[in-house]
């Protein structure tokens, strides 16, 4: 799970006792990763401030009171434990014993709520008690016979997350805005609506709302169940930190990308967000033009990889990552814009046959001279192939096609 390295980096001794017969069986392995991963994250936070700094993980097969086989997961830490008055509250979304000054704010009232949600999907139980040394002991019991309670149905075979049923054509990118400021949330939602190829999936104004949004189908009465491809995430929500949300989303195995949209300029937060897998980082305040530029680059990235077949080439991978970091207007020749350049590039990528400047100008509603300038620039950059077109009257004409590496020819 990668938790051993995490514990080592934080100076925590992690002891794992995994019984040989403790198999997942019919239990969804994604849910098990969510449960164990979030319990360990919470235990690491508690143990990091203790003298012994240790965490124990036990996974074993057991028999319930009614004779039903079940999987038991136990996580103990060497922290200060929990008062009885807080033992039930720790599973509530947004509740935390930590203050915002502790660490980066990660772990504030989000992870344990996701643990409870995952456990409830299997009609299981989770409780917290005290260890003999005064730390906290979390016990999860998951009956194998109830494993189908939260199992994905036929329409959710490739994803078990909220709103991830049969997906619409990937050419439409569904966007979830996560922003607590009402003015900014409305602005970002309107920005999304104005962009071609994007569609607003919803707006969450807190970690609590996001947790409800991420619940599997059927567990949030009255809520629609939309597909989400991209999350625009504010890093400072009133009840959760963006880094924590990113980790929890990744722990749930949700097939969505994240763009951080935030006023946070702290380099450590930026580096942590990048290492957690965000695809873009947009610092407030910004203009609509900057917003459009970032999402346009993401759209190119998605089309380069997500819409490819099951196999790809090195050139296509390189092009996909390059699209996330497009050349700025300052690096282009005078009179060329990055936005128009991307439009021309996208068109060429979709065409199976070479095309001419006249055909590009008609497809993109621009002058023939302008189309030729962009095509010639791409040809000079070796992004497109330029070849003579024979059989036409008058002046010689060139045709252009998107360059592929030798393995594609």
Protein backbone atom coordinates (compact mmCIF):
# COMPACT_ATOMS: atom_id res chain seq x y z
CA UNK A 1 0.00 0.00 0.00
CA UNK A 2 3.00 2.33 0.18
CA UNK A 3 2.20 3.07 3.83
CA UNK A 4 5.42 1.52 5.13
CA UNK A 5 7.49 4.13 3.30
CA UNK A 6 5.18 6.88 4.53
CA UNK A 7 5.55 5.68 8.13
CA UNK A 8 9.33 5.51 7.77
CA UNK A 9 9.50 9.07 6.45
CA UNK A 10 7.56 10.29 9.49
CA UNK A 11 9.69 8.33 11.96
CA UNK A 12 6.85 5.95 12.85
CA UNK A 13 7.28 2.24 13.51
CA UNK A 14 4.57 0.41 11.56
CA UNK A 15 3.96 -3.22 12.51
CA UNK A 16 1.71 -5.24 10.20
CA UNK A 17 0.18 -8.57 11.13
CA UNK A 18 -1.68 -9.95 8.11
CA UNK A 19 -3.10 -13.45 8.62
CA UNK A 20 -2.58 -15.83 5.66
CA UNK A 21 -6.30 -16.64 5.53
CA UNK A 22 -7.35 -12.98 5.64
CA UNK A 23 -8.33 -12.81 2.00
CA UNK A 24 -10.56 -10.16 0.42
CA UNK A 25 -12.86 -12.82 -0.96
CA UNK A 26 -15.99 -11.14 -2.28
CA UNK A 27 -15.15 -7.86 -0.56
CA UNK A 28 -14.39 -5.02 -2.94
CA UNK A 29 -10.60 -4.48 -2.81
CA UNK A 30 -11.03 -0.76 -3.57
CA UNK A 31 -13.12 -0.38 -0.41
CA UNK A 32 -10.53 -2.28 1.61
CA UNK A 33 -7.81 0.09 0.42
CA UNK A 34 -10.02 3.04 1.38
CA UNK A 35 -10.67 1.66 4.86
CA UNK A 36 -7.15 0.57 5.71
CA UNK A 37 -5.48 3.55 4.05
CA UNK A 38 -7.57 6.15 5.86
CA UNK A 39 -7.28 4.38 9.21
CA UNK A 40 -3.50 4.31 8.83
CA UNK A 41 -3.37 7.96 7.79
CA UNK A 42 -5.31 8.88 10.93
CA UNK A 43 -3.09 6.66 13.10
CA UNK A 44 0.07 8.21 11.63
CA UNK A 45 -1.18 11.69 12.50
CA UNK A 46 -1.83 10.62 16.10
CA UNK A 47 1.33 8.58 16.58
CA UNK A 48 3.61 11.24 15.09
CA UNK A 49 3.23 13.38 18.20
CA UNK A 50 3.78 10.59 20.71
CA UNK A 51 6.94 9.41 22.41
CA UNK A 52 6.88 5.88 21.00
CA UNK A 53 5.54 6.82 17.54
CA UNK A 54 4.19 3.40 16.65
CA UNK A 55 1.21 2.02 14.76
CA UNK A 56 -0.11 -1.54 14.63
CA UNK A 57 -2.14 -2.99 11.76
CA UNK A 58 -3.87 -6.36 12.17
CA UNK A 59 -5.94 -8.00 9.43
CA UNK A 60 -7.46 -11.38 10.20
CA UNK A 61 -10.38 -13.65 9.46
CA UNK A 62 -12.88 -14.11 12.30
CA UNK A 63 -16.34 -15.45 13.09
CA UNK A 64 -19.18 -13.14 14.09
CA UNK A 65 -21.72 -13.70 16.84
CA UNK A 66 -24.15 -15.33 14.41
CA UNK A 67 -21.46 -17.62 13.02
CA UNK A 68 -20.90 -15.53 9.90
CA UNK A 69 -17.36 -15.34 8.56
CA UNK A 70 -15.99 -11.83 8.60
CA UNK A 71 -12.83 -9.86 7.99
CA UNK A 72 -11.47 -7.93 10.97
CA UNK A 73 -9.22 -4.90 10.56
CA UNK A 74 -7.58 -3.42 13.65
CA UNK A 75 -5.45 -0.26 13.70
CA UNK A 76 -3.84 0.93 16.94
CA UNK A 77 -1.72 4.01 17.54
CA UNK A 78 0.48 5.29 20.38
CA UNK A 79 -1.21 8.69 20.50
CA UNK A 80 -3.21 10.27 23.29
CA UNK A 81 -6.43 8.43 22.52
CA UNK A 82 -9.92 9.92 22.38
CA UNK A 83 -12.27 11.08 25.13
CA UNK A 84 -15.48 9.05 25.29
CA UNK A 85 -17.45 12.11 24.20
CA UNK A 86 -15.56 12.24 20.89
CA UNK A 87 -15.47 8.57 19.94
CA UNK A 88 -18.70 8.72 17.99
CA UNK A 89 -18.10 12.19 16.57
CA UNK A 90 -14.82 11.32 14.85
CA UNK A 91 -16.74 9.58 12.06
CA UNK A 92 -18.74 12.70 11.24
CA UNK A 93 -17.77 14.66 8.13
CA UNK A 94 -15.92 17.82 9.11
CA UNK A 95 -15.28 16.84 12.74
CA UNK A 96 -11.69 16.65 13.94
CA UNK A 97 -9.71 16.76 17.16
CA UNK A 98 -6.94 18.64 15.30
CA UNK A 99 -6.64 22.37 14.89
CA UNK A 100 -5.90 24.13 11.64
CA UNK A 101 -2.44 24.97 12.93
CA UNK A 102 -1.41 21.35 13.12
CA UNK A 103 0.55 20.37 10.07
CA UNK A 104 -0.83 21.39 6.71
CA UNK A 105 -4.38 20.80 7.80
CA UNK A 106 -4.53 17.36 6.23
CA UNK A 107 -6.73 14.87 8.00
CA UNK A 108 -9.33 17.33 9.18
CA UNK A 109 -12.65 15.53 9.42
CA UNK A 110 -12.66 13.71 6.08
CA UNK A 111 -10.84 10.36 6.16
CA UNK A 112 -12.70 8.65 9.00
CA UNK A 113 -16.04 9.72 7.51
CA UNK A 114 -15.04 7.91 4.32
CA UNK A 115 -14.10 4.86 6.40
CA UNK A 116 -17.59 4.75 7.90
CA UNK A 117 -19.18 5.15 4.47
CA UNK A 118 -17.15 2.27 3.06
CA UNK A 119 -17.92 0.05 6.06
CA UNK A 120 -21.64 0.75 5.83
CA UNK A 121 -21.65 -0.34 2.20
CA UNK A 122 -20.93 -3.86 3.43
CA UNK A 123 -23.27 -3.82 6.43
CA UNK A 124 -20.17 -3.85 8.62
CA UNK A 125 -19.29 -2.07 11.84
CA UNK A 126 -16.54 0.26 12.98
CA UNK A 127 -15.79 1.31 16.54
CA UNK A 128 -13.02 3.05 18.44
CA UNK A 129 -11.80 2.09 21.92
CA UNK A 130 -8.71 2.69 24.04
CA UNK A 131 -5.53 0.63 24.01
CA UNK A 132 -3.83 -0.43 27.23
CA UNK A 133 -1.25 2.31 26.68
CA UNK A 134 -3.87 5.02 26.24
CA UNK A 135 -3.85 5.23 22.45
CA UNK A 136 -6.76 4.73 20.06
CA UNK A 137 -7.85 1.36 18.70
CA UNK A 138 -10.10 1.21 15.62
CA UNK A 139 -11.87 -2.09 14.91
CA UNK A 140 -13.63 -2.77 11.60
CA UNK A 141 -15.71 -5.89 11.00
CA UNK A 142 -16.84 -6.74 7.48
CA UNK A 143 -19.07 -9.81 7.05
CA UNK A 144 -18.27 -11.71 3.88
CA UNK A 145 -21.91 -12.69 3.45
CA UNK A 146 -22.90 -9.02 3.17
CA UNK A 147 -20.22 -8.12 0.67
CA UNK A 148 -22.75 -7.56 -2.09
CA UNK A 149 -24.49 -4.75 -0.20
CA UNK A 150 -22.15 -2.16 -1.62
CA UNK A 151 -20.89 -4.02 -4.64
CA UNK A 152 -21.10 -2.16 -7.96
CA UNK A 153 -24.15 -2.94 -10.05
CA UNK A 154 -24.22 -3.69 -13.75
CA UNK A 155 -24.10 0.00 -14.72
CA UNK A 156 -21.04 0.66 -12.55
CA UNK A 157 -18.75 -2.21 -13.45
CA UNK A 158 -15.75 -0.04 -14.23
CA UNK A 159 -16.08 2.38 -11.32
CA UNK A 160 -17.54 2.28 -7.85
CA UNK A 161 -17.51 5.99 -7.18
CA UNK A 162 -20.29 8.50 -6.99
CA UNK A 163 -21.82 9.24 -10.34
CA UNK A 164 -19.54 6.92 -12.25
CA UNK A 165 -22.09 4.86 -14.13
CA UNK A 166 -21.97 4.26 -17.84
CA UNK A 167 -19.96 7.21 -19.03
CA UNK A 168 -21.09 9.53 -21.83
CA UNK A 169 -18.78 10.17 -24.79
CA UNK A 170 -15.42 11.32 -23.47
CA UNK A 171 -15.52 14.36 -25.77
CA UNK A 172 -17.70 16.03 -23.10
CA UNK A 173 -15.77 16.66 -19.89
CA UNK A 174 -17.92 16.83 -16.75
CA UNK A 175 -16.55 19.26 -14.15
CA UNK A 176 -17.17 19.47 -10.39
CA UNK A 177 -16.36 22.85 -8.80
CA UNK A 178 -15.22 22.61 -5.16
CA UNK A 179 -15.09 26.15 -3.74
CA UNK A 180 -16.36 27.65 -0.46
CA UNK A 181 -16.49 31.30 -1.54
CA UNK A 182 -19.93 31.80 -3.14
CA UNK A 183 -18.76 34.50 -5.56
CA UNK A 184 -15.78 32.45 -6.74
CA UNK A 185 -17.88 29.28 -6.95
CA UNK A 186 -20.47 30.98 -9.15
CA UNK A 187 -17.76 32.53 -11.32
CA UNK A 188 -15.94 29.24 -11.84
CA UNK A 189 -19.21 27.47 -12.61
CA UNK A 190 -20.06 30.12 -15.20
CA UNK A 191 -16.57 29.87 -16.69
CA UNK A 192 -17.07 26.12 -17.16
CA UNK A 193 -20.43 26.69 -18.87
CA UNK A 194 -18.81 29.06 -21.35
CA UNK A 195 -16.19 26.55 -22.50
CA UNK A 196 -16.81 24.25 -25.45
CA UNK A 197 -16.40 20.59 -24.59
CA UNK A 198 -17.04 21.06 -20.86
CA UNK A 199 -20.17 20.59 -18.78
CA UNK A 200 -20.85 21.53 -15.16
CA UNK A 201 -21.53 18.44 -13.01
CA UNK A 202 -22.14 20.38 -9.79
CA UNK A 203 -20.75 22.65 -7.08
CA UNK A 204 -19.57 21.58 -3.60
CA UNK A 205 -18.88 24.37 -1.09
CA UNK A 206 -17.29 22.32 1.69
CA UNK A 207 -15.63 19.01 2.45
CA UNK A 208 -18.94 17.82 3.89
CA UNK A 209 -20.79 18.54 0.64
CA UNK A 210 -18.01 16.90 -1.33
CA UNK A 211 -18.15 13.77 0.84
CA UNK A 212 -21.89 13.48 0.16
CA UNK A 213 -21.27 14.05 -3.53
CA UNK A 214 -18.72 11.24 -3.59
CA UNK A 215 -21.04 8.71 -1.99
CA UNK A 216 -21.94 5.76 -4.22
CA UNK A 217 -25.25 5.74 -6.03
CA UNK A 218 -28.22 5.21 -3.75
CA UNK A 219 -26.55 6.47 -0.55
CA UNK A 220 -27.44 10.14 -0.91
CA UNK A 221 -31.23 10.41 -1.27
CA UNK A 222 -32.43 13.19 -3.53
CA UNK A 223 -29.04 13.78 -5.11
CA UNK A 224 -28.45 13.32 -8.81
CA UNK A 225 -25.76 10.87 -9.85
CA UNK A 226 -23.65 12.69 -12.46
CA UNK A 227 -20.41 11.58 -14.07
CA UNK A 228 -17.36 13.58 -12.96
CA UNK A 229 -14.21 13.70 -15.07
CA UNK A 230 -12.49 16.76 -13.59
CA UNK A 231 -12.51 18.44 -10.17
CA UNK A 232 -11.61 22.12 -9.77
CA UNK A 233 -10.43 22.16 -6.17
CA UNK A 234 -9.93 25.07 -3.79
CA UNK A 235 -7.15 24.07 -1.39
CA UNK A 236 -8.60 25.89 1.65
CA UNK A 237 -12.11 24.75 2.52
CA UNK A 238 -13.68 25.56 5.91
CA UNK A 239 -13.73 21.94 7.05
CA UNK A 240 -11.00 20.20 5.02
CA UNK A 241 -7.66 20.91 3.39
CA UNK A 242 -7.17 20.33 -0.30
CA UNK A 243 -4.20 18.00 0.19
CA UNK A 244 -6.32 15.77 2.39
CA UNK A 245 -9.13 15.74 -0.15
CA UNK A 246 -6.72 14.77 -2.93
CA UNK A 247 -5.40 11.85 -0.86
CA UNK A 248 -8.91 10.65 -0.01
CA UNK A 249 -10.07 10.85 -3.61
CA UNK A 250 -7.05 8.86 -4.72
CA UNK A 251 -7.68 6.36 -1.91
CA UNK A 252 -11.21 5.84 -3.20
CA UNK A 253 -9.82 5.04 -6.62
CA UNK A 254 -11.99 7.62 -8.37
CA UNK A 255 -11.18 7.94 -12.10
CA UNK A 256 -11.12 11.73 -12.15
CA UNK A 257 -8.46 14.40 -12.60
CA UNK A 258 -7.90 17.37 -10.29
CA UNK A 259 -6.91 20.95 -11.04
CA UNK A 260 -6.05 23.04 -7.98
CA UNK A 261 -7.58 26.53 -8.15
CA UNK A 262 -6.41 28.39 -5.07
CA UNK A 263 -4.75 31.43 -3.55
CA UNK A 264 -2.26 29.19 -1.73
CA UNK A 265 1.25 30.05 -2.90
CA UNK A 266 3.22 28.05 -0.32
CA UNK A 267 5.82 26.06 -2.24
CA UNK A 268 5.51 23.00 0.00
CA UNK A 269 1.77 22.83 -0.62
CA UNK A 270 2.34 23.20 -4.36
CA UNK A 271 4.92 20.39 -4.35
CA UNK A 272 2.70 18.15 -2.26
CA UNK A 273 -0.25 18.76 -4.56
CA UNK A 274 1.84 17.92 -7.62
CA UNK A 275 3.20 14.73 -6.02
CA UNK A 276 -0.39 13.75 -5.16
CA UNK A 277 -1.32 13.76 -8.82
CA UNK A 278 -2.97 17.06 -9.76
CA UNK A 279 -2.73 17.93 -13.44
CA UNK A 280 -2.71 21.75 -13.14
CA UNK A 281 -2.25 24.43 -10.45
CA UNK A 282 -3.96 27.79 -11.06
CA UNK A 283 -3.27 30.59 -8.56
CA UNK A 284 -5.94 33.17 -7.71
CA UNK A 285 -6.68 35.79 -8.77
CA UNK A 286 -6.79 35.02 -12.49
CA UNK A 287 -8.68 36.09 -15.58
CA UNK A 288 -11.13 34.09 -17.64
CA UNK A 289 -8.45 33.93 -20.32
CA UNK A 290 -6.06 32.16 -17.93
CA UNK A 291 -8.86 29.80 -16.84
CA UNK A 292 -9.68 29.00 -20.46
CA UNK A 293 -6.00 28.41 -21.20
CA UNK A 294 -5.58 25.88 -18.37
CA UNK A 295 -8.73 23.94 -19.15
CA UNK A 296 -7.96 24.01 -22.86
CA UNK A 297 -4.58 22.46 -22.13
CA UNK A 298 -6.26 19.81 -19.97
CA UNK A 299 -8.73 19.05 -22.77
CA UNK A 300 -5.82 18.44 -25.15
CA UNK A 301 -4.14 16.23 -22.57
CA UNK A 302 -7.30 14.20 -22.07
CA UNK A 303 -7.90 13.80 -25.78
CA UNK A 304 -4.30 12.71 -26.27
CA UNK A 305 -4.51 9.88 -23.74
CA UNK A 306 -8.04 9.14 -22.53
CA UNK A 307 -9.50 8.98 -26.01
CA UNK A 308 -6.70 6.81 -27.37
CA UNK A 309 -7.03 3.07 -27.81
CA UNK A 310 -5.69 0.69 -25.19
CA UNK A 311 -2.13 1.10 -26.49
CA UNK A 312 -0.11 4.24 -27.15
CA UNK A 313 3.31 5.30 -28.32
CA UNK A 314 6.13 7.29 -26.74
CA UNK A 315 5.46 10.19 -29.09
CA UNK A 316 1.80 10.33 -28.03
CA UNK A 317 2.70 10.19 -24.35
CA UNK A 318 5.23 12.99 -24.82
CA UNK A 319 2.66 15.04 -26.71
CA UNK A 320 0.05 14.49 -23.97
CA UNK A 321 2.33 15.78 -21.22
CA UNK A 322 3.51 18.63 -23.43
CA UNK A 323 -0.09 19.73 -23.92
CA UNK A 324 -0.37 20.36 -20.16
CA UNK A 325 2.50 22.84 -20.43
CA UNK A 326 1.79 24.62 -23.72
CA UNK A 327 4.09 27.30 -25.02
CA UNK A 328 3.06 30.73 -23.78
CA UNK A 329 2.15 33.50 -26.17
CA UNK A 330 5.53 35.13 -25.52
CA UNK A 331 7.37 32.17 -27.08
CA UNK A 332 5.28 32.22 -30.27
CA UNK A 333 6.05 34.35 -33.29
CA UNK A 334 4.33 37.71 -33.32
CA UNK A 335 0.70 37.43 -34.39
CA UNK A 336 0.22 33.79 -33.32
CA UNK A 337 -1.87 32.91 -30.28
CA UNK A 338 -1.63 29.75 -28.19
CA UNK A 339 -5.41 29.26 -28.28
CA UNK A 340 -5.62 29.32 -32.08
CA UNK A 341 -2.54 27.13 -32.32
CA UNK A 342 -4.25 24.50 -30.13
CA UNK A 343 -7.38 24.70 -32.28
CA UNK A 344 -5.38 24.03 -35.44
CA UNK A 345 -3.46 21.22 -33.73
CA UNK A 346 -6.67 19.58 -32.49
CA UNK A 347 -8.16 19.68 -35.96
CA UNK A 348 -5.12 18.05 -37.55
CA UNK A 349 -5.10 15.31 -34.91
CA UNK A 350 -8.67 14.35 -35.78
CA UNK A 351 -8.12 14.12 -39.53
CA UNK A 352 -7.17 10.82 -41.11
CA UNK A 353 -6.09 12.37 -44.41
CA UNK A 354 -3.75 15.32 -45.12
CA UNK A 355 -5.45 18.70 -45.41
CA UNK A 356 -4.71 22.05 -47.02
CA UNK A 357 -4.65 25.60 -45.70
CA UNK A 358 -7.93 26.32 -47.53
CA UNK A 359 -9.64 23.34 -45.87
CA UNK A 360 -8.33 24.36 -42.43
CA UNK A 361 -9.50 27.95 -42.94
CA UNK A 362 -13.00 26.73 -43.83
CA UNK A 363 -13.17 24.31 -40.89
CA UNK A 364 -12.04 26.90 -38.31
CA UNK A 365 -13.63 30.00 -39.89
CA UNK A 366 -10.38 31.89 -40.40
CA UNK A 367 -8.63 33.37 -43.39
CA UNK A 368 -6.50 31.18 -45.64
CA UNK A 369 -3.45 33.34 -44.90
CA UNK A 370 -3.91 32.89 -41.13
CA UNK A 371 -4.41 29.14 -41.46
CA UNK A 372 -1.24 28.84 -43.57
CA UNK A 373 0.80 30.77 -40.98
CA UNK A 374 -0.17 28.33 -38.23
CA UNK A 375 0.36 25.30 -40.46
CA UNK A 376 3.78 26.51 -41.52
CA UNK A 377 4.74 27.19 -37.91
CA UNK A 378 3.72 23.65 -36.90
CA UNK A 379 5.64 22.27 -39.86
CA UNK A 380 8.76 24.20 -38.85
CA UNK A 381 8.37 22.75 -35.32
CA UNK A 382 8.11 19.26 -36.89
CA UNK A 383 4.71 18.79 -35.31
CA UNK A 384 3.08 18.30 -38.72
CA UNK A 385 4.26 16.83 -42.01
CA UNK A 386 4.22 19.15 -45.04
CA UNK A 387 4.05 17.53 -48.48
CA UNK A 388 3.23 18.84 -51.99
CA UNK A 389 -0.28 18.18 -53.23
CA UNK A 390 -0.22 17.20 -56.88
CA UNK A 391 -3.00 17.32 -59.44
CA UNK A 392 -4.18 20.87 -58.72
CA UNK A 393 -4.13 23.79 -61.13
CA UNK A 394 -2.34 27.05 -60.55
CA UNK A 395 0.29 27.61 -57.88
CA UNK A 396 1.72 24.52 -56.10
CA UNK A 397 -0.22 23.69 -52.94
CA UNK A 398 0.95 21.96 -49.77
CA UNK A 399 -1.02 19.59 -47.58
CA UNK A 400 -0.45 18.98 -43.88
CA UNK A 401 -0.93 16.04 -41.53
CA UNK A 402 -0.17 15.54 -37.87
CA UNK A 403 3.24 13.91 -37.42
CA UNK A 404 3.44 10.38 -36.05
CA UNK A 405 6.56 8.60 -34.94
CA UNK A 406 8.04 5.83 -37.09
CA UNK A 407 6.23 3.14 -35.11
CA UNK A 408 2.89 4.59 -36.27
CA UNK A 409 3.70 4.72 -39.97
